[in-house]
Amino acid sequence: MHSKRLETHELDKIATATLAYYEERAEDFRAGTRDHDVSQNIATLLRHIEGAPPLVILDLGCGPGRDLRTFSGLGHTAIGLEGAAAFAAMARADTGCEVWEQDFHRLDLPGERFDGIFANASLFHVPSQELTRVLRQLAHHTEAGGRAVQLQSARPERGRLEPWALRRLPRS
C-alpha cells in the first residue's frame, strides 16, 4: 500500500508542529536526556571516520547540547544544528559551541566542511519520503574520507524504533 506523497506545505506543517512540541518541553527534555549515555554511538562514529583528529563534527539535531559537549571534550570541533530555538540557545549557552538554527528539510550548510555528521535520534523527524534526499544532501557537506553518518531512525509505519546504524553516504 503506497501512501500519498506529502506536499511542501504539509511538510512545513509537520516541521512546525514538531519544533513547537520541543519548544514547549525544552527544559523537561534537557533534564530527561542529560544523563543518557550515548558514548557507544559517539565512539562508533569517530572510529569509522577516516582522518586524524581533531575532527569537525556536525551534531544534527543537537538539542540542548549534551553531545556537543562530549565531542568538544574529546578535542574535536563540534557544531550543532537545531531547529528548536530554545534548544539552540541552551546548546550555545551550555557548550560555547557554534549552533545553527535550521530545520532538516531546509538545510543550508557549507560544502565539504565536516569530517562526520552525528544524528543520534534526530532523523526520525524527517518524513520517510524526504529521508533519502536529506541524507544525500548531508553527504555533500562532508569531507571525502568522512562521509560517516550515524543515525537512529524510527519508522512510525512499523510502530517501533529501529536500532542505530552507521552509514557511508553516496554523494550521488
N, C-alpha and C. Protein backbone atom coordinates (compact mmCIF):
# COMPACT_ATOMS: atom_id res chain seq x y z
N MET A 1 0.84 -1.17 0.00
CA MET A 1 0.00 0.00 0.00
C MET A 1 0.90 1.25 0.00
N HIS A 2 0.73 2.08 -0.97
CA HIS A 2 1.52 3.31 -1.08
C HIS A 2 0.76 4.47 -0.46
N SER A 3 1.49 5.24 0.32
CA SER A 3 0.84 6.41 0.92
C SER A 3 1.03 7.61 -0.01
N LYS A 4 0.17 8.57 0.16
CA LYS A 4 0.20 9.79 -0.64
C LYS A 4 1.45 10.59 -0.31
N ARG A 5 2.09 11.09 -1.33
CA ARG A 5 3.27 11.93 -1.15
C ARG A 5 2.85 13.27 -0.56
N LEU A 6 3.55 13.70 0.49
CA LEU A 6 3.22 14.95 1.16
C LEU A 6 3.69 16.13 0.32
N GLU A 7 2.88 17.16 0.29
CA GLU A 7 3.21 18.40 -0.40
C GLU A 7 4.09 19.26 0.52
N THR A 8 4.74 20.27 -0.05
CA THR A 8 5.64 21.13 0.71
C THR A 8 4.95 21.76 1.90
N HIS A 9 3.73 22.26 1.72
CA HIS A 9 3.03 22.89 2.84
C HIS A 9 2.73 21.89 3.95
N GLU A 10 2.51 20.62 3.59
CA GLU A 10 2.27 19.60 4.60
C GLU A 10 3.56 19.26 5.36
N LEU A 11 4.68 19.23 4.64
CA LEU A 11 5.98 19.02 5.29
C LEU A 11 6.29 20.17 6.24
N ASP A 12 6.00 21.39 5.81
CA ASP A 12 6.21 22.56 6.67
C ASP A 12 5.35 22.48 7.94
N LYS A 13 4.12 22.03 7.78
CA LYS A 13 3.22 21.90 8.93
C LYS A 13 3.75 20.87 9.93
N ILE A 14 4.28 19.76 9.43
CA ILE A 14 4.86 18.73 10.30
C ILE A 14 6.07 19.30 11.05
N ALA A 15 6.95 19.98 10.32
CA ALA A 15 8.15 20.56 10.95
C ALA A 15 7.75 21.59 12.01
N THR A 16 6.80 22.43 11.71
CA THR A 16 6.35 23.45 12.66
C THR A 16 5.78 22.81 13.92
N ALA A 17 4.96 21.79 13.76
CA ALA A 17 4.37 21.10 14.92
C ALA A 17 5.44 20.41 15.76
N THR A 18 6.40 19.78 15.11
CA THR A 18 7.47 19.09 15.83
C THR A 18 8.31 20.08 16.63
N LEU A 19 8.69 21.17 15.99
CA LEU A 19 9.51 22.18 16.67
C LEU A 19 8.74 22.83 17.82
N ALA A 20 7.45 23.06 17.63
CA ALA A 20 6.62 23.64 18.70
C ALA A 20 6.56 22.69 19.90
N TYR A 21 6.46 21.40 19.63
CA TYR A 21 6.44 20.41 20.70
C TYR A 21 7.71 20.52 21.54
N TYR A 22 8.87 20.60 20.88
CA TYR A 22 10.14 20.69 21.62
C TYR A 22 10.31 22.05 22.30
N GLU A 23 9.83 23.10 21.67
CA GLU A 23 9.91 24.42 22.30
C GLU A 23 9.16 24.42 23.63
N GLU A 24 7.99 23.82 23.65
CA GLU A 24 7.16 23.80 24.86
C GLU A 24 7.75 22.93 25.96
N ARG A 25 8.58 21.97 25.60
CA ARG A 25 9.09 20.99 26.57
C ARG A 25 10.61 21.01 26.69
N ALA A 26 11.24 22.10 26.28
CA ALA A 26 12.70 22.15 26.20
C ALA A 26 13.38 21.84 27.53
N GLU A 27 12.95 22.48 28.60
CA GLU A 27 13.58 22.25 29.91
C GLU A 27 13.38 20.81 30.38
N ASP A 28 12.18 20.28 30.22
CA ASP A 28 11.91 18.90 30.62
C ASP A 28 12.75 17.92 29.80
N PHE A 29 12.86 18.19 28.51
CA PHE A 29 13.64 17.32 27.64
C PHE A 29 15.12 17.34 28.06
N ARG A 30 15.64 18.53 28.32
CA ARG A 30 17.04 18.64 28.75
C ARG A 30 17.26 17.84 30.02
N ALA A 31 16.39 18.02 31.00
CA ALA A 31 16.53 17.30 32.26
C ALA A 31 16.41 15.78 32.06
N GLY A 32 15.51 15.38 31.19
CA GLY A 32 15.26 13.96 30.97
C GLY A 32 16.32 13.24 30.14
N THR A 33 17.10 13.99 29.36
CA THR A 33 18.11 13.34 28.50
C THR A 33 19.54 13.66 28.90
N ARG A 34 19.70 14.52 29.88
CA ARG A 34 21.03 14.98 30.30
C ARG A 34 21.98 13.82 30.59
N ASP A 35 21.48 12.76 31.22
CA ASP A 35 22.33 11.65 31.63
C ASP A 35 22.27 10.43 30.71
N HIS A 36 21.63 10.56 29.55
CA HIS A 36 21.61 9.44 28.61
C HIS A 36 23.03 9.17 28.13
N ASP A 37 23.43 7.92 28.17
CA ASP A 37 24.77 7.54 27.75
C ASP A 37 24.75 7.09 26.30
N VAL A 38 25.25 7.95 25.42
CA VAL A 38 25.36 7.59 24.00
C VAL A 38 26.83 7.48 23.60
N SER A 39 27.69 7.22 24.59
CA SER A 39 29.14 7.14 24.32
C SER A 39 29.48 6.06 23.31
N GLN A 40 28.73 4.97 23.31
CA GLN A 40 28.99 3.90 22.33
C GLN A 40 28.71 4.41 20.91
N ASN A 41 27.66 5.17 20.73
CA ASN A 41 27.35 5.72 19.41
C ASN A 41 28.41 6.72 18.96
N ILE A 42 28.85 7.56 19.89
CA ILE A 42 29.89 8.55 19.58
C ILE A 42 31.19 7.85 19.21
N ALA A 43 31.58 6.86 20.01
CA ALA A 43 32.82 6.12 19.74
C ALA A 43 32.76 5.41 18.39
N THR A 44 31.61 4.84 18.06
CA THR A 44 31.47 4.14 16.78
C THR A 44 31.62 5.11 15.62
N LEU A 45 30.99 6.26 15.71
CA LEU A 45 31.12 7.25 14.65
C LEU A 45 32.58 7.66 14.48
N LEU A 46 33.23 8.02 15.56
CA LEU A 46 34.61 8.50 15.48
C LEU A 46 35.55 7.43 14.94
N ARG A 47 35.31 6.19 15.30
CA ARG A 47 36.15 5.08 14.84
C ARG A 47 36.07 4.88 13.32
N HIS A 48 34.94 5.23 12.74
CA HIS A 48 34.73 4.97 11.32
C HIS A 48 35.03 6.17 10.42
N ILE A 49 35.47 7.25 10.98
CA ILE A 49 35.82 8.41 10.16
C ILE A 49 37.29 8.32 9.80
N GLU A 50 37.57 8.43 8.51
CA GLU A 50 38.96 8.45 8.06
C GLU A 50 39.52 9.84 8.33
N GLY A 51 40.74 9.89 8.79
CA GLY A 51 41.36 11.18 9.06
C GLY A 51 41.79 11.28 10.50
N ALA A 52 42.73 12.17 10.72
CA ALA A 52 43.29 12.34 12.06
C ALA A 52 42.55 13.43 12.83
N PRO A 53 42.39 13.21 14.13
CA PRO A 53 41.80 14.24 14.97
C PRO A 53 42.70 15.46 15.05
N PRO A 54 42.20 16.61 15.37
CA PRO A 54 40.80 16.86 15.72
C PRO A 54 39.91 16.89 14.47
N LEU A 55 38.71 16.41 14.65
CA LEU A 55 37.73 16.34 13.57
C LEU A 55 36.71 17.46 13.71
N VAL A 56 36.04 17.75 12.60
CA VAL A 56 34.91 18.69 12.62
C VAL A 56 33.64 17.85 12.51
N ILE A 57 32.84 17.89 13.56
CA ILE A 57 31.63 17.06 13.65
C ILE A 57 30.40 17.96 13.68
N LEU A 58 29.43 17.65 12.83
CA LEU A 58 28.13 18.31 12.87
C LEU A 58 27.20 17.43 13.69
N ASP A 59 26.64 17.98 14.74
CA ASP A 59 25.65 17.27 15.55
C ASP A 59 24.28 17.73 15.05
N LEU A 60 23.68 16.91 14.23
CA LEU A 60 22.42 17.23 13.56
C LEU A 60 21.26 16.97 14.51
N GLY A 61 20.56 18.03 14.89
CA GLY A 61 19.50 17.89 15.89
C GLY A 61 20.14 17.80 17.27
N CYS A 62 21.00 18.77 17.56
CA CYS A 62 21.83 18.72 18.78
C CYS A 62 21.05 18.90 20.06
N GLY A 63 19.78 19.30 19.96
CA GLY A 63 19.00 19.50 21.18
C GLY A 63 19.70 20.49 22.09
N PRO A 64 19.67 20.25 23.40
CA PRO A 64 20.28 21.19 24.34
C PRO A 64 21.81 21.11 24.43
N GLY A 65 22.44 20.22 23.65
CA GLY A 65 23.89 20.26 23.53
C GLY A 65 24.70 19.20 24.24
N ARG A 66 24.05 18.19 24.80
CA ARG A 66 24.77 17.14 25.53
C ARG A 66 25.91 16.55 24.72
N ASP A 67 25.65 16.17 23.47
CA ASP A 67 26.67 15.51 22.66
C ASP A 67 27.69 16.49 22.09
N LEU A 68 27.29 17.74 21.89
CA LEU A 68 28.25 18.77 21.50
C LEU A 68 29.34 18.88 22.57
N ARG A 69 28.92 18.88 23.82
CA ARG A 69 29.86 18.97 24.94
C ARG A 69 30.82 17.78 24.93
N THR A 70 30.29 16.59 24.64
CA THR A 70 31.14 15.39 24.59
C THR A 70 32.17 15.49 23.48
N PHE A 71 31.72 15.84 22.27
CA PHE A 71 32.66 15.96 21.15
C PHE A 71 33.73 17.00 21.44
N SER A 72 33.33 18.14 21.96
CA SER A 72 34.29 19.20 22.30
C SER A 72 35.27 18.72 23.36
N GLY A 73 34.76 18.01 24.35
CA GLY A 73 35.60 17.49 25.42
C GLY A 73 36.63 16.49 24.92
N LEU A 74 36.35 15.85 23.80
CA LEU A 74 37.29 14.91 23.19
C LEU A 74 38.29 15.63 22.28
N GLY A 75 38.18 16.96 22.20
CA GLY A 75 39.12 17.75 21.42
C GLY A 75 38.71 18.05 20.00
N HIS A 76 37.50 17.70 19.64
CA HIS A 76 37.00 17.94 18.28
C HIS A 76 36.30 19.29 18.20
N THR A 77 36.14 19.79 16.99
CA THR A 77 35.33 20.98 16.75
C THR A 77 33.91 20.49 16.51
N ALA A 78 33.02 20.82 17.42
CA ALA A 78 31.64 20.38 17.33
C ALA A 78 30.76 21.57 16.97
N ILE A 79 29.93 21.38 15.96
CA ILE A 79 28.99 22.40 15.51
C ILE A 79 27.60 21.77 15.59
N GLY A 80 26.67 22.48 16.19
CA GLY A 80 25.32 21.96 16.31
C GLY A 80 24.40 22.53 15.26
N LEU A 81 23.40 21.76 14.92
CA LEU A 81 22.32 22.23 14.07
C LEU A 81 21.03 21.83 14.77
N GLU A 82 20.17 22.81 15.00
CA GLU A 82 18.95 22.57 15.76
C GLU A 82 17.84 23.46 15.24
N GLY A 83 16.64 22.89 15.10
CA GLY A 83 15.50 23.66 14.62
C GLY A 83 14.74 24.38 15.72
N ALA A 84 14.79 23.87 16.94
CA ALA A 84 14.06 24.49 18.05
C ALA A 84 14.92 25.59 18.66
N ALA A 85 14.41 26.81 18.63
CA ALA A 85 15.17 27.97 19.12
C ALA A 85 15.59 27.81 20.58
N ALA A 86 14.71 27.25 21.41
CA ALA A 86 15.05 27.07 22.83
C ALA A 86 16.23 26.13 22.99
N PHE A 87 16.24 25.04 22.23
CA PHE A 87 17.37 24.11 22.30
C PHE A 87 18.65 24.75 21.78
N ALA A 88 18.55 25.48 20.67
CA ALA A 88 19.74 26.12 20.10
C ALA A 88 20.35 27.08 21.12
N ALA A 89 19.52 27.85 21.81
CA ALA A 89 20.01 28.78 22.83
C ALA A 89 20.66 28.03 24.00
N MET A 90 20.03 26.95 24.44
CA MET A 90 20.59 26.13 25.51
C MET A 90 21.95 25.57 25.11
N ALA A 91 22.02 25.03 23.90
CA ALA A 91 23.26 24.41 23.43
C ALA A 91 24.39 25.43 23.35
N ARG A 92 24.10 26.61 22.83
CA ARG A 92 25.13 27.66 22.77
C ARG A 92 25.60 28.03 24.17
N ALA A 93 24.65 28.27 25.08
CA ALA A 93 24.99 28.70 26.43
C ALA A 93 25.73 27.63 27.22
N ASP A 94 25.32 26.38 27.06
CA ASP A 94 25.89 25.30 27.86
C ASP A 94 27.22 24.76 27.32
N THR A 95 27.49 24.98 26.02
CA THR A 95 28.69 24.36 25.44
C THR A 95 29.70 25.37 24.89
N GLY A 96 29.23 26.57 24.54
CA GLY A 96 30.11 27.53 23.88
C GLY A 96 30.35 27.19 22.42
N CYS A 97 29.68 26.16 21.93
CA CYS A 97 29.85 25.74 20.53
C CYS A 97 28.98 26.59 19.60
N GLU A 98 29.39 26.62 18.36
CA GLU A 98 28.58 27.25 17.32
C GLU A 98 27.36 26.36 17.08
N VAL A 99 26.17 26.96 17.05
CA VAL A 99 24.94 26.21 16.80
C VAL A 99 24.12 26.97 15.77
N TRP A 100 23.77 26.28 14.71
CA TRP A 100 22.97 26.87 13.64
C TRP A 100 21.52 26.47 13.83
N GLU A 101 20.62 27.43 13.64
CA GLU A 101 19.19 27.17 13.79
C GLU A 101 18.58 26.95 12.40
N GLN A 102 18.29 25.69 12.10
CA GLN A 102 17.71 25.31 10.81
C GLN A 102 16.85 24.07 11.00
N ASP A 103 15.85 23.88 10.11
CA ASP A 103 15.13 22.62 10.15
C ASP A 103 15.73 21.67 9.11
N PHE A 104 15.42 20.41 9.25
CA PHE A 104 16.10 19.37 8.48
C PHE A 104 15.75 19.36 6.99
N HIS A 105 14.59 19.85 6.62
CA HIS A 105 14.28 19.80 5.19
C HIS A 105 14.59 21.10 4.46
N ARG A 106 15.21 22.03 5.18
CA ARG A 106 15.69 23.27 4.54
C ARG A 106 17.11 23.56 5.01
N LEU A 107 17.97 22.58 4.81
CA LEU A 107 19.36 22.71 5.25
C LEU A 107 20.13 23.69 4.38
N ASP A 108 20.93 24.51 5.01
CA ASP A 108 21.80 25.44 4.31
C ASP A 108 23.18 25.30 4.95
N LEU A 109 23.98 24.37 4.42
CA LEU A 109 25.27 24.02 5.02
C LEU A 109 26.41 24.35 4.08
N PRO A 110 27.59 24.61 4.64
CA PRO A 110 28.77 24.85 3.80
C PRO A 110 29.25 23.56 3.17
N GLY A 111 29.80 23.64 1.98
CA GLY A 111 30.26 22.46 1.26
C GLY A 111 31.47 21.80 1.89
N GLU A 112 31.46 20.48 1.94
CA GLU A 112 32.57 19.63 2.38
C GLU A 112 33.32 20.16 3.59
N ARG A 113 32.60 20.52 4.61
CA ARG A 113 33.24 21.06 5.81
C ARG A 113 33.41 20.04 6.92
N PHE A 114 32.57 19.01 6.98
CA PHE A 114 32.51 18.13 8.12
C PHE A 114 33.23 16.81 7.88
N ASP A 115 33.90 16.35 8.93
CA ASP A 115 34.50 15.02 8.88
C ASP A 115 33.46 13.95 9.20
N GLY A 116 32.46 14.32 9.95
CA GLY A 116 31.41 13.39 10.31
C GLY A 116 30.16 14.13 10.73
N ILE A 117 29.05 13.46 10.59
CA ILE A 117 27.76 14.02 11.00
C ILE A 117 27.13 13.05 11.97
N PHE A 118 26.81 13.54 13.16
CA PHE A 118 26.21 12.73 14.21
C PHE A 118 24.74 13.10 14.27
N ALA A 119 23.89 12.13 14.01
CA ALA A 119 22.45 12.37 14.01
C ALA A 119 21.79 11.33 14.91
N ASN A 120 22.02 11.46 16.18
CA ASN A 120 21.53 10.48 17.14
C ASN A 120 20.08 10.78 17.51
N ALA A 121 19.19 9.89 17.14
CA ALA A 121 17.77 10.01 17.47
C ALA A 121 17.16 11.33 16.98
N SER A 122 17.59 11.79 15.81
CA SER A 122 17.03 13.04 15.30
C SER A 122 16.41 12.89 13.92
N LEU A 123 16.94 12.02 13.09
CA LEU A 123 16.43 11.91 11.72
C LEU A 123 15.06 11.24 11.63
N PHE A 124 14.59 10.66 12.73
CA PHE A 124 13.24 10.12 12.66
C PHE A 124 12.19 11.21 12.54
N HIS A 125 12.62 12.47 12.70
CA HIS A 125 11.72 13.60 12.49
C HIS A 125 11.58 13.96 11.02
N VAL A 126 12.39 13.36 10.17
CA VAL A 126 12.30 13.61 8.73
C VAL A 126 11.32 12.60 8.14
N PRO A 127 10.26 13.05 7.49
CA PRO A 127 9.31 12.11 6.88
C PRO A 127 10.02 11.16 5.91
N SER A 128 9.58 9.93 5.87
CA SER A 128 10.22 8.89 5.06
C SER A 128 10.48 9.32 3.63
N GLN A 129 9.53 10.03 3.02
CA GLN A 129 9.69 10.43 1.62
C GLN A 129 10.85 11.40 1.44
N GLU A 130 11.28 12.08 2.49
CA GLU A 130 12.34 13.07 2.42
C GLU A 130 13.70 12.56 2.89
N LEU A 131 13.73 11.39 3.52
CA LEU A 131 14.95 10.92 4.18
C LEU A 131 16.11 10.73 3.21
N THR A 132 15.90 10.09 2.08
CA THR A 132 16.99 9.87 1.12
C THR A 132 17.53 11.19 0.61
N ARG A 133 16.65 12.13 0.32
CA ARG A 133 17.10 13.45 -0.15
C ARG A 133 17.94 14.15 0.91
N VAL A 134 17.49 14.12 2.15
CA VAL A 134 18.23 14.78 3.23
C VAL A 134 19.59 14.11 3.43
N LEU A 135 19.63 12.78 3.43
CA LEU A 135 20.90 12.07 3.60
C LEU A 135 21.88 12.37 2.46
N ARG A 136 21.39 12.43 1.25
CA ARG A 136 22.27 12.78 0.12
C ARG A 136 22.79 14.21 0.26
N GLN A 137 21.92 15.11 0.69
CA GLN A 137 22.36 16.49 0.89
C GLN A 137 23.44 16.55 1.96
N LEU A 138 23.27 15.81 3.04
CA LEU A 138 24.29 15.77 4.10
C LEU A 138 25.61 15.22 3.57
N ALA A 139 25.54 14.23 2.72
CA ALA A 139 26.76 13.64 2.16
C ALA A 139 27.59 14.66 1.41
N HIS A 140 26.94 15.62 0.79
CA HIS A 140 27.65 16.65 0.03
C HIS A 140 28.36 17.66 0.92
N HIS A 141 28.15 17.56 2.22
CA HIS A 141 28.75 18.52 3.14
C HIS A 141 29.80 17.88 4.04
N THR A 142 30.26 16.69 3.64
CA THR A 142 31.31 16.03 4.40
C THR A 142 32.57 15.93 3.57
N GLU A 143 33.69 15.89 4.27
CA GLU A 143 34.98 15.69 3.61
C GLU A 143 34.98 14.32 2.95
N ALA A 144 35.82 14.13 1.95
CA ALA A 144 35.85 12.88 1.17
C ALA A 144 36.01 11.64 2.05
N GLY A 145 36.84 11.67 3.06
CA GLY A 145 37.05 10.49 3.89
C GLY A 145 36.13 10.40 5.08
N GLY A 146 35.24 11.33 5.23
CA GLY A 146 34.44 11.38 6.45
C GLY A 146 32.97 11.27 6.25
N ARG A 147 32.55 10.59 5.22
CA ARG A 147 31.12 10.55 4.92
C ARG A 147 30.36 9.62 5.86
N ALA A 148 30.73 9.62 7.10
CA ALA A 148 30.05 8.76 8.07
C ALA A 148 28.90 9.52 8.70
N VAL A 149 27.77 8.90 8.73
CA VAL A 149 26.61 9.48 9.38
C VAL A 149 26.02 8.42 10.29
N GLN A 150 25.84 8.76 11.53
CA GLN A 150 25.23 7.84 12.46
C GLN A 150 23.81 8.29 12.68
N LEU A 151 22.90 7.35 12.62
CA LEU A 151 21.52 7.73 12.82
C LEU A 151 20.76 6.67 13.58
N GLN A 152 19.74 7.10 14.21
CA GLN A 152 18.79 6.22 14.84
C GLN A 152 17.46 6.62 14.23
N SER A 153 16.80 5.69 13.59
CA SER A 153 15.59 6.11 12.89
C SER A 153 14.38 5.36 13.40
N ALA A 154 13.30 6.06 13.44
CA ALA A 154 12.02 5.44 13.79
C ALA A 154 11.20 5.35 12.52
N ARG A 155 10.57 4.28 12.35
CA ARG A 155 9.65 4.09 11.23
C ARG A 155 8.25 3.97 11.82
N PRO A 156 7.55 5.12 11.93
CA PRO A 156 6.23 5.09 12.56
C PRO A 156 5.30 4.07 11.93
N GLU A 157 5.44 3.83 10.63
CA GLU A 157 4.55 2.88 9.99
C GLU A 157 4.79 1.46 10.49
N ARG A 158 5.96 1.22 11.10
CA ARG A 158 6.26 -0.09 11.69
C ARG A 158 6.01 -0.07 13.19
N GLY A 159 5.77 1.12 13.75
CA GLY A 159 5.42 1.23 15.14
C GLY A 159 6.54 0.95 16.12
N ARG A 160 7.80 1.06 15.68
CA ARG A 160 8.89 0.80 16.61
C ARG A 160 10.12 1.61 16.22
N LEU A 161 11.05 1.69 17.15
CA LEU A 161 12.30 2.37 16.91
C LEU A 161 13.31 1.36 16.40
N GLU A 162 13.93 1.63 15.27
CA GLU A 162 14.94 0.74 14.73
C GLU A 162 16.28 1.04 15.40
N PRO A 163 17.15 0.05 15.48
CA PRO A 163 18.46 0.28 16.09
C PRO A 163 19.29 1.24 15.26
N TRP A 164 20.26 1.89 15.90
CA TRP A 164 21.10 2.84 15.20
C TRP A 164 21.95 2.13 14.16
N ALA A 165 22.34 2.87 13.19
CA ALA A 165 23.15 2.33 12.12
C ALA A 165 24.20 3.36 11.76
N LEU A 166 25.32 2.88 11.25
CA LEU A 166 26.37 3.76 10.78
C LEU A 166 26.42 3.60 9.27
N ARG A 167 26.41 4.70 8.56
CA ARG A 167 26.37 4.63 7.09
C ARG A 167 27.41 5.52 6.48
N ARG A 168 27.92 5.09 5.37
CA ARG A 168 28.73 5.92 4.50
C ARG A 168 27.83 6.29 3.35
N LEU A 169 27.66 7.56 3.13
CA LEU A 169 26.66 8.01 2.17
C LEU A 169 27.25 8.19 0.79
N PRO A 170 26.54 7.73 -0.22
CA PRO A 170 26.97 8.03 -1.60
C PRO A 170 26.67 9.49 -1.89
N ARG A 171 27.51 10.10 -2.68
CA ARG A 171 27.33 11.51 -2.98
C ARG A 171 26.40 11.75 -4.17
N SER A 172 25.98 10.72 -4.83
CA SER A 172 25.08 10.94 -5.97
C SER A 172 23.73 10.32 -5.74
